Amino acid sequence: MTPITVKVEDKLFQNRYRVDAGRPHIKIKDANVCVSDCQDKSCTFVCPASCYTMEGNGAVTLITDGCLECGSCRIICSEHANVDWEYPRGGHGILFKFG
């Protein structure tokens, strides 16, 4: 019997995200801190939903659509305390298909 393999991306695709237009639940407090003070840009590879991307000039862009609300970005950025994170308003955010 051949084992069934499923990619993480395929599982994440089954979840849905209800965007709270105009009220993101995560914000980068000061974009300059990402450019000047943060050398490794950990948020860009720690976030399981890939909400953070590094631009060519060293800036970090955040797109909260699809956020899994795990808080990894808040923890990894604790040295700089440059992430303003809270849970989305009720009825918004991630809607997990399997619980």
Protein backbone atom coordinates (compact mmCIF):
# COMPACT_ATOMS: atom_id res chain seq x y z
CA MET A 1 0.00 0.00 0.00
CA THR A 2 1.43 3.39 -1.00
CA PRO A 3 1.41 6.01 1.77
CA ILE A 4 -0.63 9.12 1.11
CA THR A 5 1.36 12.33 1.27
CA VAL A 6 -0.21 15.74 1.68
CA LYS A 7 1.64 19.03 1.44
CA VAL A 8 1.19 21.64 4.17
CA GLU A 9 0.26 24.17 1.49
CA ASP A 10 -2.62 21.95 0.36
CA LYS A 11 -3.98 21.76 3.91
CA LEU A 12 -3.62 25.52 4.44
CA PHE A 13 -5.48 26.16 1.18
CA GLN A 14 -8.56 24.49 2.68
CA ASN A 15 -8.81 27.13 5.41
CA ARG A 16 -10.64 30.37 4.73
CA TYR A 17 -9.87 33.86 5.89
CA ARG A 18 -12.45 36.58 6.44
CA VAL A 19 -10.74 39.93 5.94
CA ASP A 20 -11.69 42.77 8.26
CA ALA A 21 -11.33 45.52 5.64
CA GLY A 22 -9.55 48.59 6.96
CA ARG A 23 -8.81 47.01 10.37
CA PRO A 24 -5.76 44.75 10.15
CA HIS A 25 -5.08 42.89 13.40
CA ILE A 26 -1.30 43.03 12.89
CA LYS A 27 0.78 46.08 12.08
CA ILE A 28 4.47 46.83 11.81
CA LYS A 29 4.92 49.70 14.26
CA ASP A 30 7.89 51.38 12.56
CA ALA A 31 9.03 50.25 9.11
CA ASN A 32 12.42 51.89 9.65
CA VAL A 33 13.20 49.48 12.50
CA CYS A 34 12.91 46.57 10.05
CA VAL A 35 15.34 48.24 7.65
CA SER A 36 17.91 49.63 10.06
CA ASP A 37 17.80 47.54 13.26
CA CYS A 38 16.69 44.05 12.20
CA GLN A 39 19.47 42.18 10.45
CA ASP A 40 17.96 38.73 9.84
CA LYS A 41 14.31 39.63 9.05
CA SER A 42 13.16 36.50 10.91
CA CYS A 43 9.47 37.26 10.41
CA THR A 44 9.89 36.68 6.67
CA PHE A 45 10.71 33.01 7.15
CA VAL A 46 9.07 32.18 10.50
CA CYS A 47 5.50 33.12 9.53
CA PRO A 48 3.81 29.88 8.38
CA ALA A 49 1.36 31.83 6.19
CA SER A 50 4.12 33.91 4.53
CA CYS A 51 2.43 37.18 5.48
CA TYR A 52 5.80 38.95 5.70
CA THR A 53 8.04 39.49 2.68
CA MET A 54 11.37 41.25 2.40
CA GLU A 55 11.72 43.83 -0.33
CA GLY A 56 14.93 44.47 -2.27
CA ASN A 57 15.72 47.56 -0.18
CA GLY A 58 15.52 45.61 3.12
CA ALA A 59 12.02 46.81 4.00
CA VAL A 60 9.49 44.27 5.25
CA THR A 61 5.99 44.22 3.79
CA LEU A 62 3.07 42.76 5.76
CA ILE A 63 -0.11 41.45 4.16
CA THR A 64 -2.38 40.06 6.88
CA ASP A 65 -4.82 38.23 4.57
CA GLY A 66 -4.39 34.54 5.33
CA CYS A 67 -2.78 35.04 8.74
CA LEU A 68 -3.07 31.91 10.91
CA GLU A 69 -3.12 34.00 14.11
CA CYS A 70 -0.35 31.88 15.62
CA GLY A 71 1.59 34.82 17.09
CA SER A 72 4.95 33.65 15.74
CA CYS A 73 5.74 37.10 14.36
CA ARG A 74 5.12 38.71 17.73
CA ILE A 75 7.43 36.25 19.46
CA ILE A 76 10.22 36.36 16.88
CA CYS A 77 10.18 40.18 16.90
CA SER A 78 10.25 40.46 20.70
CA GLU A 79 13.81 41.85 20.61
CA HIS A 80 12.64 44.86 18.61
CA ALA A 81 9.00 44.88 19.80
CA ASN A 82 8.01 46.19 16.39
CA VAL A 83 4.86 44.13 15.80
CA ASP A 84 1.50 45.36 17.07
CA TRP A 85 -0.57 42.15 17.25
CA GLU A 86 -4.06 41.41 18.50
CA TYR A 87 -6.78 38.93 17.67
CA PRO A 88 -9.16 39.98 14.87
CA ARG A 89 -12.66 41.18 15.74
CA GLY A 90 -15.27 38.48 16.14
CA GLY A 91 -16.31 36.84 12.90
CA HIS A 92 -13.09 37.84 11.12
CA GLY A 93 -9.75 36.15 10.65
CA ILE A 94 -8.89 32.53 10.02
CA LEU A 95 -11.65 29.97 9.63
CA PHE A 96 -10.11 26.54 10.05
CA LYS A 97 -11.84 23.81 8.06
CA PHE A 98 -10.79 20.98 10.36
CA GLY A 99 -11.31 22.55 13.78
